Structures are given as structure tokens and as C-alpha cells.
Amino acid sequence: MGSTLVDMLHTRLELAAIEVEEESQRMLGFLLFGLLALVLFGVAFILLAFLVIVIFWDTHRVAAVAGMAALFGVAGAIIAMKVKSGFANKPRLLANTIEEMRKDIAYARMARDVDE
């Protein structure tokens, strides 16, 4: 029985290691794509803002600058909400390992009760 428990523990630790590796890769992907998106959107928004300001330079330059500032603020808020939502919806770390360990404990208790 002891060797079976050791084997189960070994399997669960391997599963935990795999889950940690997957989570770290997922987080790195989120980080890299998030940074890339921020840079690209930042450049696009800055160029758009300059375009609008240049177009309205002679007539409504203050309104054009204020409008671009509002647009940047709204875009930043939307991106922040998306990032927060992404973190809220991610799977729990080691959830599969914990569930399998609960099953192992239940199995070990059942086997102990049968032996008694």
C-alpha cells in the first residue's frame, strides 16, 4: 500500500509540475501579446491623434486635442477592463492536481476502511 501511495504522489507531483509550466507559458503569452498590442495601438492612436489635430489646426485645435484625449482615456479603460476580465476568467492554478489528490485521498480512505 505504501508503494502505491508513493506512486500516486509521484504522479500528482508530475501533474502539478506540468500545470505550473502550462500556466507560466500562458502568462508569458498574455504578457507578450498584451505588450505588442499596446505598442501597436499606441502608435496607431498617436498617429490618428496627430492627423485629427493637423486637420483641425486652423479652426478647432483645442477641441481636437480634447477629443483625442477623451478617445485615449476611453480606449485605456476598455483595455484595462479586458485585462481584468482575462485574469478573472483564467483557470485556478493546480486545480487538476488538487482534484486528483482529493480522489486519491478518498480512494486511500476507502481502501483502509475495507481492510479494517
PDB file of N, CA and C in Angstrom:
ATOM      1  N   MET A   1       0.828  -1.192   0.000  1.00  0.00           N
ATOM      2  CA  MET A   1       0.000   0.000   0.000  1.00  0.00           C
ATOM      3  C   MET A   1       0.876   1.262   0.000  1.00  0.00           C
ATOM      4  N   GLY A   2       1.986   1.188   0.714  1.00  0.00           N
ATOM      5  CA  GLY A   2       2.892   2.336   0.781  1.00  0.00           C
ATOM      6  C   GLY A   2       3.467   2.691  -0.578  1.00  0.00           C
ATOM      7  N   SER A   3       3.848   1.670  -1.354  1.00  0.00           N
ATOM      8  CA  SER A   3       4.407   1.950  -2.679  1.00  0.00           C
ATOM      9  C   SER A   3       3.346   2.539  -3.602  1.00  0.00           C
ATOM     10  N   THR A   4       2.105   2.107  -3.444  1.00  0.00           N
ATOM     11  CA  THR A   4       1.017   2.666  -4.246  1.00  0.00           C
ATOM     12  C   THR A   4       0.823   4.149  -3.920  1.00  0.00           C
ATOM     13  N   LEU A   5       0.870   4.478  -2.635  1.00  0.00           N
ATOM     14  CA  LEU A   5       0.732   5.880  -2.241  1.00  0.00           C
ATOM     15  C   LEU A   5       1.896   6.723  -2.769  1.00  0.00           C
ATOM     16  N   VAL A   6       3.095   6.175  -2.725  1.00  0.00           N
ATOM     17  CA  VAL A   6       4.252   6.896  -3.247  1.00  0.00           C
ATOM     18  C   VAL A   6       4.107   7.102  -4.756  1.00  0.00           C
ATOM     19  N   ASP A   7       3.651   6.072  -5.461  1.00  0.00           N
ATOM     20  CA  ASP A   7       3.436   6.192  -6.902  1.00  0.00           C
ATOM     21  C   ASP A   7       2.372   7.248  -7.212  1.00  0.00           C
ATOM     22  N   MET A   8       1.285   7.243  -6.437  1.00  0.00           N
ATOM     23  CA  MET A   8       0.237   8.242  -6.647  1.00  0.00           C
ATOM     24  C   MET A   8       0.772   9.649  -6.385  1.00  0.00           C
ATOM     25  N   LEU A   9       1.555   9.806  -5.331  1.00  0.00           N
ATOM     26  CA  LEU A   9       2.126  11.104  -5.012  1.00  0.00           C
ATOM     27  C   LEU A   9       3.061  11.562  -6.130  1.00  0.00           C
ATOM     28  N   HIS A  10       3.862  10.633  -6.656  1.00  0.00           N
ATOM     29  CA  HIS A  10       4.779  10.955  -7.748  1.00  0.00           C
ATOM     30  C   HIS A  10       3.997  11.413  -8.974  1.00  0.00           C
ATOM     31  N   THR A  11       2.937  10.712  -9.307  1.00  0.00           N
ATOM     32  CA  THR A  11       2.107  11.082 -10.455  1.00  0.00           C
ATOM     33  C   THR A  11       1.485  12.460 -10.256  1.00  0.00           C
ATOM     34  N   ARG A  12       1.017  12.729  -9.051  1.00  0.00           N
ATOM     35  CA  ARG A  12       0.380  14.018  -8.775  1.00  0.00           C
ATOM     36  C   ARG A  12       1.398  15.151  -8.827  1.00  0.00           C
ATOM     37  N   LEU A  13       2.602  14.901  -8.374  1.00  0.00           N
ATOM     38  CA  LEU A  13       3.625  15.941  -8.449  1.00  0.00           C
ATOM     39  C   LEU A  13       4.020  16.218  -9.895  1.00  0.00           C
ATOM     40  N   GLU A  14       4.067  15.186 -10.722  1.00  0.00           N
ATOM     41  CA  GLU A  14       4.331  15.395 -12.149  1.00  0.00           C
ATOM     42  C   GLU A  14       3.221  16.232 -12.779  1.00  0.00           C
ATOM     43  N   LEU A  15       1.973  15.920 -12.423  1.00  0.00           N
ATOM     44  CA  LEU A  15       0.842  16.698 -12.925  1.00  0.00           C
ATOM     45  C   LEU A  15       0.934  18.150 -12.471  1.00  0.00           C
ATOM     46  N   ALA A  16       1.318  18.365 -11.222  1.00  0.00           N
ATOM     47  CA  ALA A  16       1.463  19.727 -10.705  1.00  0.00           C
ATOM     48  C   ALA A  16       2.543  20.481 -11.474  1.00  0.00           C
ATOM     49  N   ALA A  17       3.652  19.809 -11.749  1.00  0.00           N
ATOM     50  CA  ALA A  17       4.732  20.457 -12.492  1.00  0.00           C
ATOM     51  C   ALA A  17       4.277  20.842 -13.893  1.00  0.00           C
ATOM     52  N   ILE A  18       3.517  19.967 -14.540  1.00  0.00           N
ATOM     53  CA  ILE A  18       3.011  20.260 -15.877  1.00  0.00           C
ATOM     54  C   ILE A  18       2.054  21.449 -15.833  1.00  0.00           C
ATOM     55  N   GLU A  19       1.181  21.480 -14.828  1.00  0.00           N
ATOM     56  CA  GLU A  19       0.233  22.593 -14.723  1.00  0.00           C
ATOM     57  C   GLU A  19       0.949  23.915 -14.471  1.00  0.00           C
ATOM     58  N   VAL A  20       1.979  23.901 -13.639  1.00  0.00           N
ATOM     59  CA  VAL A  20       2.732  25.132 -13.366  1.00  0.00           C
ATOM     60  C   VAL A  20       3.415  25.609 -14.641  1.00  0.00           C
ATOM     61  N   GLU A  21       3.993  24.679 -15.397  1.00  0.00           N
ATOM     62  CA  GLU A  21       4.651  25.046 -16.655  1.00  0.00           C
ATOM     63  C   GLU A  21       3.650  25.621 -17.654  1.00  0.00           C
ATOM     64  N   GLU A  22       2.482  24.978 -17.769  1.00  0.00           N
ATOM     65  CA  GLU A  22       1.459  25.484 -18.691  1.00  0.00           C
ATOM     66  C   GLU A  22       0.996  26.877 -18.282  1.00  0.00           C
ATOM     67  N   GLU A  23       0.814  27.087 -16.988  1.00  0.00           N
ATOM     68  CA  GLU A  23       0.355  28.393 -16.509  1.00  0.00           C
ATOM     69  C   GLU A  23       1.411  29.467 -16.771  1.00  0.00           C
ATOM     70  N   SER A  24       2.670  29.129 -16.569  1.00  0.00           N
ATOM     71  CA  SER A  24       3.717  30.119 -16.812  1.00  0.00           C
ATOM     72  C   SER A  24       3.804  30.463 -18.295  1.00  0.00           C
ATOM     73  N   GLN A  25       3.636  29.466 -19.160  1.00  0.00           N
ATOM     74  CA  GLN A  25       3.642  29.734 -20.595  1.00  0.00           C
ATOM     75  C   GLN A  25       2.433  30.572 -21.000  1.00  0.00           C
ATOM     76  N   ARG A  26       1.285  30.288 -20.418  1.00  0.00           N
ATOM     77  CA  ARG A  26       0.073  31.053 -20.713  1.00  0.00           C
ATOM     78  C   ARG A  26       0.257  32.508 -20.288  1.00  0.00           C
ATOM     79  N   MET A  27       0.811  32.719 -19.104  1.00  0.00           N
ATOM     80  CA  MET A  27       1.009  34.077 -18.614  1.00  0.00           C
ATOM     81  C   MET A  27       2.034  34.826 -19.462  1.00  0.00           C
ATOM     82  N   LEU A  28       3.085  34.154 -19.893  1.00  0.00           N
ATOM     83  CA  LEU A  28       4.073  34.794 -20.756  1.00  0.00           C
ATOM     84  C   LEU A  28       3.438  35.191 -22.086  1.00  0.00           C
ATOM     85  N   GLY A  29       2.591  34.310 -22.632  1.00  0.00           N
ATOM     86  CA  GLY A  29       1.880  34.637 -23.868  1.00  0.00           C
ATOM     87  C   GLY A  29       0.976  35.844 -23.694  1.00  0.00           C
ATOM     88  N   PHE A  30       0.227  35.882 -22.574  1.00  0.00           N
ATOM     89  CA  PHE A  30      -0.620  37.045 -22.293  1.00  0.00           C
ATOM     90  C   PHE A  30       0.221  38.308 -22.223  1.00  0.00           C
ATOM     91  N   LEU A  31       1.323  38.220 -21.545  1.00  0.00           N
ATOM     92  CA  LEU A  31       2.179  39.391 -21.372  1.00  0.00           C
ATOM     93  C   LEU A  31       2.740  39.876 -22.701  1.00  0.00           C
ATOM     94  N   LEU A  32       3.298  38.969 -23.497  1.00  0.00           N
ATOM     95  CA  LEU A  32       3.906  39.371 -24.755  1.00  0.00           C
ATOM     96  C   LEU A  32       2.883  39.936 -25.739  1.00  0.00           C
ATOM     97  N   PHE A  33       1.756  39.242 -25.904  1.00  0.00           N
ATOM     98  CA  PHE A  33       0.746  39.739 -26.828  1.00  0.00           C
ATOM     99  C   PHE A  33       0.106  41.023 -26.303  1.00  0.00           C
ATOM    100  N   GLY A  34      -0.042  41.128 -25.002  1.00  0.00           N
ATOM    101  CA  GLY A  34      -0.574  42.365 -24.431  1.00  0.00           C
ATOM    102  C   GLY A  34       0.340  43.546 -24.681  1.00  0.00           C
ATOM    103  N   LEU A  35       1.632  43.343 -24.489  1.00  0.00           N
ATOM    104  CA  LEU A  35       2.587  44.417 -24.741  1.00  0.00           C
ATOM    105  C   LEU A  35       2.633  44.785 -26.217  1.00  0.00           C
ATOM    106  N   LEU A  36       2.626  43.790 -27.079  1.00  0.00           N
ATOM    107  CA  LEU A  36       2.632  44.058 -28.515  1.00  0.00           C
ATOM    108  C   LEU A  36       1.389  44.841 -28.923  1.00  0.00           C
ATOM    109  N   ALA A  37       0.243  44.424 -28.418  1.00  0.00           N
ATOM    110  CA  ALA A  37      -0.998  45.136 -28.736  1.00  0.00           C
ATOM    111  C   ALA A  37      -0.951  46.574 -28.233  1.00  0.00           C
ATOM    112  N   LEU A  38      -0.433  46.764 -27.034  1.00  0.00           N
ATOM    113  CA  LEU A  38      -0.339  48.121 -26.505  1.00  0.00           C
ATOM    114  C   LEU A  38       0.573  49.006 -27.354  1.00  0.00           C
ATOM    115  N   VAL A  39       1.696  48.475 -27.779  1.00  0.00           N
ATOM    116  CA  VAL A  39       2.606  49.269 -28.607  1.00  0.00           C
ATOM    117  C   VAL A  39       1.950  49.619 -29.937  1.00  0.00           C
ATOM    118  N   LEU A  40       1.359  48.626 -30.591  1.00  0.00           N
ATOM    119  CA  LEU A  40       0.747  48.872 -31.896  1.00  0.00           C
ATOM    120  C   LEU A  40      -0.442  49.826 -31.799  1.00  0.00           C
ATOM    121  N   PHE A  41      -1.310  49.608 -30.827  1.00  0.00           N
ATOM    122  CA  PHE A  41      -2.437  50.518 -30.653  1.00  0.00           C
ATOM    123  C   PHE A  41      -1.952  51.909 -30.255  1.00  0.00           C
ATOM    124  N   GLY A  42      -0.915  51.959 -29.456  1.00  0.00           N
ATOM    125  CA  GLY A  42      -0.367  53.255 -29.055  1.00  0.00           C
ATOM    126  C   GLY A  42       0.125  54.054 -30.241  1.00  0.00           C
ATOM    127  N   VAL A  43       0.885  53.405 -31.117  1.00  0.00           N
ATOM    128  CA  VAL A  43       1.381  54.092 -32.310  1.00  0.00           C
ATOM    129  C   VAL A  43       0.213  54.524 -33.195  1.00  0.00           C
ATOM    130  N   ALA A  44      -0.753  53.632 -33.390  1.00  0.00           N
ATOM    131  CA  ALA A  44      -1.906  53.967 -34.232  1.00  0.00           C
ATOM    132  C   ALA A  44      -2.700  55.133 -33.646  1.00  0.00           C
ATOM    133  N   PHE A  45      -2.931  55.113 -32.359  1.00  0.00           N
ATOM    134  CA  PHE A  45      -3.684  56.200 -31.735  1.00  0.00           C
ATOM    135  C   PHE A  45      -2.922  57.525 -31.795  1.00  0.00           C
ATOM    136  N   ILE A  46      -1.637  57.473 -31.592  1.00  0.00           N
ATOM    137  CA  ILE A  46      -0.846  58.709 -31.669  1.00  0.00           C
ATOM    138  C   ILE A  46      -0.884  59.288 -33.079  1.00  0.00           C
ATOM    139  N   LEU A  47      -0.717  58.441 -34.077  1.00  0.00           N
ATOM    140  CA  LEU A  47      -0.789  58.922 -35.456  1.00  0.00           C
ATOM    141  C   LEU A  47      -2.182  59.463 -35.779  1.00  0.00           C
ATOM    142  N   LEU A  48      -3.213  58.774 -35.315  1.00  0.00           N
ATOM    143  CA  LEU A  48      -4.576  59.254 -35.525  1.00  0.00           C
ATOM    144  C   LEU A  48      -4.794  60.600 -34.836  1.00  0.00           C
ATOM    145  N   ALA A  49      -4.286  60.712 -33.626  1.00  0.00           N
ATOM    146  CA  ALA A  49      -4.432  61.977 -32.904  1.00  0.00           C
ATOM    147  C   ALA A  49      -3.729  63.112 -33.651  1.00  0.00           C
ATOM    148  N   PHE A  50      -2.523  62.860 -34.120  1.00  0.00           N
ATOM    149  CA  PHE A  50      -1.822  63.895 -34.892  1.00  0.00           C
ATOM    150  C   PHE A  50      -2.587  64.267 -36.156  1.00  0.00           C
ATOM    151  N   LEU A  51      -3.149  63.271 -36.827  1.00  0.00           N
ATOM    152  CA  LEU A  51      -3.916  63.530 -38.038  1.00  0.00           C
ATOM    153  C   LEU A  51      -5.107  64.438 -37.743  1.00  0.00           C
ATOM    154  N   VAL A  52      -5.859  64.097 -36.706  1.00  0.00           N
ATOM    155  CA  VAL A  52      -7.035  64.906 -36.357  1.00  0.00           C
ATOM    156  C   VAL A  52      -6.617  66.319 -35.960  1.00  0.00           C
ATOM    157  N   ILE A  53      -5.568  66.437 -35.179  1.00  0.00           N
ATOM    158  CA  ILE A  53      -5.107  67.761 -34.754  1.00  0.00           C
ATOM    159  C   ILE A  53      -4.648  68.587 -35.953  1.00  0.00           C
ATOM    160  N   VAL A  54      -3.932  67.954 -36.883  1.00  0.00           N
ATOM    161  CA  VAL A  54      -3.477  68.672 -38.078  1.00  0.00           C
ATOM    162  C   VAL A  54      -4.664  69.123 -38.931  1.00  0.00           C
ATOM    163  N   ILE A  55      -5.659  68.247 -39.073  1.00  0.00           N
ATOM    164  CA  ILE A  55      -6.833  68.593 -39.876  1.00  0.00           C
ATOM    165  C   ILE A  55      -7.560  69.803 -39.279  1.00  0.00           C
ATOM    166  N   PHE A  56      -7.705  69.846 -37.943  1.00  0.00           N
ATOM    167  CA  PHE A  56      -8.460  70.921 -37.300  1.00  0.00           C
ATOM    168  C   PHE A  56      -7.571  72.011 -36.709  1.00  0.00           C
ATOM    169  N   TRP A  57      -6.319  72.078 -37.101  1.00  0.00           N
ATOM    170  CA  TRP A  57      -5.381  73.027 -36.510  1.00  0.00           C
ATOM    171  C   TRP A  57      -5.838  74.482 -36.668  1.00  0.00           C
ATOM    172  N   ASP A  58      -6.322  74.832 -37.808  1.00  0.00           N
ATOM    173  CA  ASP A  58      -6.695  76.227 -38.045  1.00  0.00           C
ATOM    174  C   ASP A  58      -8.033  76.612 -37.431  1.00  0.00           C
ATOM    175  N   THR A  59      -8.917  75.671 -37.206  1.00  0.00           N
ATOM    176  CA  THR A  59     -10.266  76.031 -36.753  1.00  0.00           C
ATOM    177  C   THR A  59     -10.568  75.613 -35.314  1.00  0.00           C
ATOM    178  N   HIS A  60     -10.328  74.374 -34.961  1.00  0.00           N
ATOM    179  CA  HIS A  60     -10.751  73.863 -33.641  1.00  0.00           C
ATOM    180  C   HIS A  60      -9.637  73.058 -32.973  1.00  0.00           C
ATOM    181  N   ARG A  61      -8.490  73.618 -32.837  1.00  0.00           N
ATOM    182  CA  ARG A  61      -7.352  72.834 -32.317  1.00  0.00           C
ATOM    183  C   ARG A  61      -7.564  72.378 -30.883  1.00  0.00           C
ATOM    184  N   VAL A  62      -8.157  73.209 -30.016  1.00  0.00           N
ATOM    185  CA  VAL A  62      -8.375  72.816 -28.614  1.00  0.00           C
ATOM    186  C   VAL A  62      -9.389  71.669 -28.547  1.00  0.00           C
ATOM    187  N   ALA A  63     -10.462  71.772 -29.313  1.00  0.00           N
ATOM    188  CA  ALA A  63     -11.465  70.702 -29.329  1.00  0.00           C
ATOM    189  C   ALA A  63     -10.867  69.407 -29.872  1.00  0.00           C
ATOM    190  N   ALA A  64     -10.012  69.508 -30.879  1.00  0.00           N
ATOM    191  CA  ALA A  64      -9.386  68.312 -31.449  1.00  0.00           C
ATOM    192  C   ALA A  64      -8.480  67.633 -30.430  1.00  0.00           C
ATOM    193  N   VAL A  65      -7.702  68.416 -29.700  1.00  0.00           N
ATOM    194  CA  VAL A  65      -6.818  67.847 -28.681  1.00  0.00           C
ATOM    195  C   VAL A  65      -7.645  67.223 -27.552  1.00  0.00           C
ATOM    196  N   ALA A  66      -8.706  67.908 -27.114  1.00  0.00           N
ATOM    197  CA  ALA A  66      -9.569  67.374 -26.051  1.00  0.00           C
ATOM    198  C   ALA A  66     -10.272  66.094 -26.504  1.00  0.00           C
ATOM    199  N   GLY A  67     -10.720  66.083 -27.731  1.00  0.00           N
ATOM    200  CA  GLY A  67     -11.369  64.878 -28.254  1.00  0.00           C
ATOM    201  C   GLY A  67     -10.421  63.695 -28.321  1.00  0.00           C
ATOM    202  N   MET A  68      -9.205  63.942 -28.741  1.00  0.00           N
ATOM    203  CA  MET A  68      -8.220  62.862 -28.800  1.00  0.00           C
ATOM    204  C   MET A  68      -7.877  62.366 -27.405  1.00  0.00           C
ATOM    205  N   ALA A  69      -7.786  63.281 -26.438  1.00  0.00           N
ATOM    206  CA  ALA A  69      -7.509  62.886 -25.053  1.00  0.00           C
ATOM    207  C   ALA A  69      -8.637  62.011 -24.508  1.00  0.00           C
ATOM    208  N   ALA A  70      -9.890  62.386 -24.814  1.00  0.00           N
ATOM    209  CA  ALA A  70     -11.032  61.577 -24.377  1.00  0.00           C
ATOM    210  C   ALA A  70     -11.002  60.198 -25.024  1.00  0.00           C
ATOM    211  N   LEU A  71     -10.675  60.154 -26.305  1.00  0.00           N
ATOM    212  CA  LEU A  71     -10.586  58.870 -27.007  1.00  0.00           C
ATOM    213  C   LEU A  71      -9.525  57.975 -26.383  1.00  0.00           C
ATOM    214  N   PHE A  72      -8.358  58.550 -26.058  1.00  0.00           N
ATOM    215  CA  PHE A  72      -7.300  57.773 -25.401  1.00  0.00           C
ATOM    216  C   PHE A  72      -7.771  57.250 -24.043  1.00  0.00           C
ATOM    217  N   GLY A  73      -8.472  58.078 -23.301  1.00  0.00           N
ATOM    218  CA  GLY A  73      -8.967  57.667 -21.987  1.00  0.00           C
ATOM    219  C   GLY A  73      -9.949  56.514 -22.074  1.00  0.00           C
ATOM    220  N   VAL A  74     -10.880  56.595 -23.015  1.00  0.00           N
ATOM    221  CA  VAL A  74     -11.870  55.520 -23.194  1.00  0.00           C
ATOM    222  C   VAL A  74     -11.185  54.234 -23.645  1.00  0.00           C
ATOM    223  N   ALA A  75     -10.261  54.350 -24.586  1.00  0.00           N
ATOM    224  CA  ALA A  75      -9.547  53.161 -25.072  1.00  0.00           C
ATOM    225  C   ALA A  75      -8.753  52.512 -23.937  1.00  0.00           C
ATOM    226  N   GLY A  76      -8.106  53.317 -23.109  1.00  0.00           N
ATOM    227  CA  GLY A  76      -7.358  52.779 -21.973  1.00  0.00           C
ATOM    228  C   GLY A  76      -8.261  52.061 -20.991  1.00  0.00           C
ATOM    229  N   ALA A  77      -9.435  52.614 -20.733  1.00  0.00           N
ATOM    230  CA  ALA A  77     -10.381  51.980 -19.813  1.00  0.00           C
ATOM    231  C   ALA A  77     -10.877  50.642 -20.367  1.00  0.00           C
ATOM    232  N   ILE A  78     -11.161  50.590 -21.656  1.00  0.00           N
ATOM    233  CA  ILE A  78     -11.630  49.343 -22.272  1.00  0.00           C
ATOM    234  C   ILE A  78     -10.544  48.266 -22.195  1.00  0.00           C
ATOM    235  N   ILE A  79      -9.314  48.647 -22.497  1.00  0.00           N
ATOM    236  CA  ILE A  79      -8.214  47.673 -22.427  1.00  0.00           C
ATOM    237  C   ILE A  79      -8.024  47.181 -20.998  1.00  0.00           C
ATOM    238  N   ALA A  80      -8.092  48.083 -20.027  1.00  0.00           N
ATOM    239  CA  ALA A  80      -7.937  47.690 -18.625  1.00  0.00           C
ATOM    240  C   ALA A  80      -9.033  46.712 -18.205  1.00  0.00           C
ATOM    241  N   MET A  81     -10.266  46.940 -18.662  1.00  0.00           N
ATOM    242  CA  MET A  81     -11.359  46.017 -18.330  1.00  0.00           C
ATOM    243  C   MET A  81     -11.151  44.648 -18.972  1.00  0.00           C
ATOM    244  N   LYS A  82     -10.634  44.618 -20.213  1.00  0.00           N
ATOM    245  CA  LYS A  82     -10.363  43.346 -20.879  1.00  0.00           C
ATOM    246  C   LYS A  82      -9.282  42.559 -20.130  1.00  0.00           C
ATOM    247  N   VAL A  83      -8.235  43.238 -19.693  1.00  0.00           N
ATOM    248  CA  VAL A  83      -7.170  42.562 -18.960  1.00  0.00           C
ATOM    249  C   VAL A  83      -7.698  42.023 -17.634  1.00  0.00           C
ATOM    250  N   LYS A  84      -8.480  42.824 -16.932  1.00  0.00           N
ATOM    251  CA  LYS A  84      -9.058  42.379 -15.665  1.00  0.00           C
ATOM    252  C   LYS A  84      -9.961  41.175 -15.877  1.00  0.00           C
ATOM    253  N   SER A  85     -10.759  41.192 -16.940  1.00  0.00           N
ATOM    254  CA  SER A  85     -11.636  40.066 -17.262  1.00  0.00           C
ATOM    255  C   SER A  85     -10.825  38.818 -17.591  1.00  0.00           C
ATOM    256  N   GLY A  86      -9.724  38.984 -18.325  1.00  0.00           N
ATOM    257  CA  GLY A  86      -8.877  37.843 -18.657  1.00  0.00           C
ATOM    258  C   GLY A  86      -8.294  37.180 -17.423  1.00  0.00           C
ATOM    259  N   PHE A  87      -7.871  37.989 -16.446  1.00  0.00           N
ATOM    260  CA  PHE A  87      -7.340  37.426 -15.217  1.00  0.00           C
ATOM    261  C   PHE A  87      -8.440  36.787 -14.372  1.00  0.00           C
ATOM    262  N   ALA A  88      -9.621  37.354 -14.380  1.00  0.00           N
ATOM    263  CA  ALA A  88     -10.715  36.804 -13.587  1.00  0.00           C
ATOM    264  C   ALA A  88     -11.191  35.462 -14.133  1.00  0.00           C
ATOM    265  N   ASN A  89     -11.083  35.251 -15.440  1.00  0.00           N
ATOM    266  CA  ASN A  89     -11.591  34.033 -16.070  1.00  0.00           C
ATOM    267  C   ASN A  89     -10.540  32.951 -16.272  1.00  0.00           C
ATOM    268  N   LYS A  90      -9.326  33.164 -15.815  1.00  0.00           N
ATOM    269  CA  LYS A  90      -8.291  32.146 -16.015  1.00  0.00           C
ATOM    270  C   LYS A  90      -8.531  30.989 -15.053  1.00  0.00           C
ATOM    271  N   PRO A  91      -8.109  29.786 -15.435  1.00  0.00           N
ATOM    272  CA  PRO A  91      -8.320  28.633 -14.555  1.00  0.00           C
ATOM    273  C   PRO A  91      -7.458  28.736 -13.292  1.00  0.00           C
ATOM    274  N   ARG A  92      -7.942  28.123 -12.222  1.00  0.00           N
ATOM    275  CA  ARG A  92      -7.196  28.117 -10.965  1.00  0.00           C
ATOM    276  C   ARG A  92      -5.906  27.343 -11.121  1.00  0.00           C
ATOM    277  N   LEU A  93      -4.846  27.833 -10.534  1.00  0.00           N
ATOM    278  CA  LEU A  93      -3.555  27.159 -10.580  1.00  0.00           C
ATOM    279  C   LEU A  93      -3.635  25.842  -9.820  1.00  0.00           C
ATOM    280  N   LEU A  94      -3.196  24.775 -10.448  1.00  0.00           N
ATOM    281  CA  LEU A  94      -3.134  23.426  -9.886  1.00  0.00           C
ATOM    282  C   LEU A  94      -4.511  22.835  -9.577  1.00  0.00           C
ATOM    283  N   ALA A  95      -5.544  23.302 -10.227  1.00  0.00           N
ATOM    284  CA  ALA A  95      -6.896  22.804  -9.962  1.00  0.00           C
ATOM    285  C   ALA A  95      -7.001  21.311 -10.250  1.00  0.00           C
ATOM    286  N   ASN A  96      -6.434  20.845 -11.360  1.00  0.00           N
ATOM    287  CA  ASN A  96      -6.499  19.416 -11.691  1.00  0.00           C
ATOM    288  C   ASN A  96      -5.726  18.573 -10.696  1.00  0.00           C
ATOM    289  N   THR A  97      -4.583  19.055 -10.273  1.00  0.00           N
ATOM    290  CA  THR A  97      -3.773  18.313  -9.305  1.00  0.00           C
ATOM    291  C   THR A  97      -4.507  18.185  -7.978  1.00  0.00           C
ATOM    292  N   ILE A  98      -5.097  19.260  -7.520  1.00  0.00           N
ATOM    293  CA  ILE A  98      -5.830  19.233  -6.250  1.00  0.00           C
ATOM    294  C   ILE A  98      -6.999  18.267  -6.333  1.00  0.00           C
ATOM    295  N   GLU A  99      -7.721  18.293  -7.449  1.00  0.00           N
ATOM    296  CA  GLU A  99      -8.854  17.381  -7.621  1.00  0.00           C
ATOM    297  C   GLU A  99      -8.391  15.926  -7.616  1.00  0.00           C
ATOM    298  N   GLU A 100      -7.305  15.636  -8.311  1.00  0.00           N
ATOM    299  CA  GLU A 100      -6.792  14.258  -8.334  1.00  0.00           C
ATOM    300  C   GLU A 100      -6.312  13.829  -6.955  1.00  0.00           C
ATOM    301  N   MET A 101      -5.716  14.737  -6.205  1.00  0.00           N
ATOM    302  CA  MET A 101      -5.281  14.388  -4.851  1.00  0.00           C
ATOM    303  C   MET A 101      -6.475  14.113  -3.945  1.00  0.00           C
ATOM    304  N   ARG A 102      -7.549  14.850  -4.128  1.00  0.00           N
ATOM    305  CA  ARG A 102      -8.771  14.566  -3.350  1.00  0.00           C
ATOM    306  C   ARG A 102      -9.301  13.170  -3.666  1.00  0.00           C
ATOM    307  N   LYS A 103      -9.275  12.816  -4.949  1.00  0.00           N
ATOM    308  CA  LYS A 103      -9.715  11.477  -5.338  1.00  0.00           C
ATOM    309  C   LYS A 103      -8.810  10.408  -4.724  1.00  0.00           C
ATOM    310  N   ASP A 104      -7.501  10.672  -4.716  1.00  0.00           N
ATOM    311  CA  ASP A 104      -6.547   9.719  -4.139  1.00  0.00           C
ATOM    312  C   ASP A 104      -6.797   9.535  -2.645  1.00  0.00           C
ATOM    313  N   ILE A 105      -7.059  10.634  -1.953  1.00  0.00           N
ATOM    314  CA  ILE A 105      -7.323  10.552  -0.512  1.00  0.00           C
ATOM    315  C   ILE A 105      -8.592   9.756  -0.257  1.00  0.00           C
ATOM    316  N   ALA A 106      -9.627  10.022  -1.059  1.00  0.00           N
ATOM    317  CA  ALA A 106     -10.883   9.277  -0.902  1.00  0.00           C
ATOM    318  C   ALA A 106     -10.659   7.792  -1.180  1.00  0.00           C
ATOM    319  N   TYR A 107      -9.876   7.482  -2.209  1.00  0.00           N
ATOM    320  CA  TYR A 107      -9.580   6.081  -2.545  1.00  0.00           C
ATOM    321  C   TYR A 107      -8.786   5.417  -1.420  1.00  0.00           C
ATOM    322  N   ALA A 108      -7.800   6.128  -0.871  1.00  0.00           N
ATOM    323  CA  ALA A 108      -6.985   5.562   0.200  1.00  0.00           C
ATOM    324  C   ALA A 108      -7.835   5.310   1.439  1.00  0.00           C
ATOM    325  N   ARG A 109      -8.748   6.225   1.753  1.00  0.00           N
ATOM    326  CA  ARG A 109      -9.630   6.034   2.919  1.00  0.00           C
ATOM    327  C   ARG A 109     -10.563   4.852   2.702  1.00  0.00           C
ATOM    328  N   MET A 110     -11.075   4.729   1.464  1.00  0.00           N
ATOM    329  CA  MET A 110     -11.968   3.614   1.161  1.00  0.00           C
ATOM    330  C   MET A 110     -11.196   2.285   1.266  1.00  0.00           C
ATOM    331  N   ALA A 111      -9.988   2.255   0.767  1.00  0.00           N
ATOM    332  CA  ALA A 111      -9.175   1.024   0.835  1.00  0.00           C
ATOM    333  C   ALA A 111      -8.846   0.704   2.289  1.00  0.00           C
ATOM    334  N   ARG A 112      -8.574   1.706   3.106  1.00  0.00           N
ATOM    335  CA  ARG A 112      -8.272   1.487   4.523  1.00  0.00           C
ATOM    336  C   ARG A 112      -9.490   0.940   5.241  1.00  0.00           C
ATOM    337  N   ASP A 113     -10.683   1.505   4.937  1.00  0.00           N
ATOM    338  CA  ASP A 113     -11.909   1.056   5.581  1.00  0.00           C
ATOM    339  C   ASP A 113     -12.239  -0.375   5.196  1.00  0.00           C
ATOM    340  N   VAL A 114     -11.946  -0.790   3.955  1.00  0.00           N
ATOM    341  CA  VAL A 114     -12.191  -2.157   3.513  1.00  0.00           C
ATOM    342  C   VAL A 114     -11.269  -3.115   4.219  1.00  0.00           C
ATOM    343  N   ASP A 115     -10.010  -2.697   4.438  1.00  0.00           N
ATOM    344  CA  ASP A 115      -9.025  -3.550   5.103  1.00  0.00           C
ATOM    345  C   ASP A 115      -9.356  -3.745   6.572  1.00  0.00           C
ATOM    346  N   GLU A 116     -10.013  -2.788   7.176  1.00  0.00           N
ATOM    347  CA  GLU A 116     -10.319  -2.882   8.604  1.00  0.00           C
ATOM    348  C   GLU A 116     -11.498  -3.722   8.843  1.00  0.00           C
TER     349      GLU A 116
END
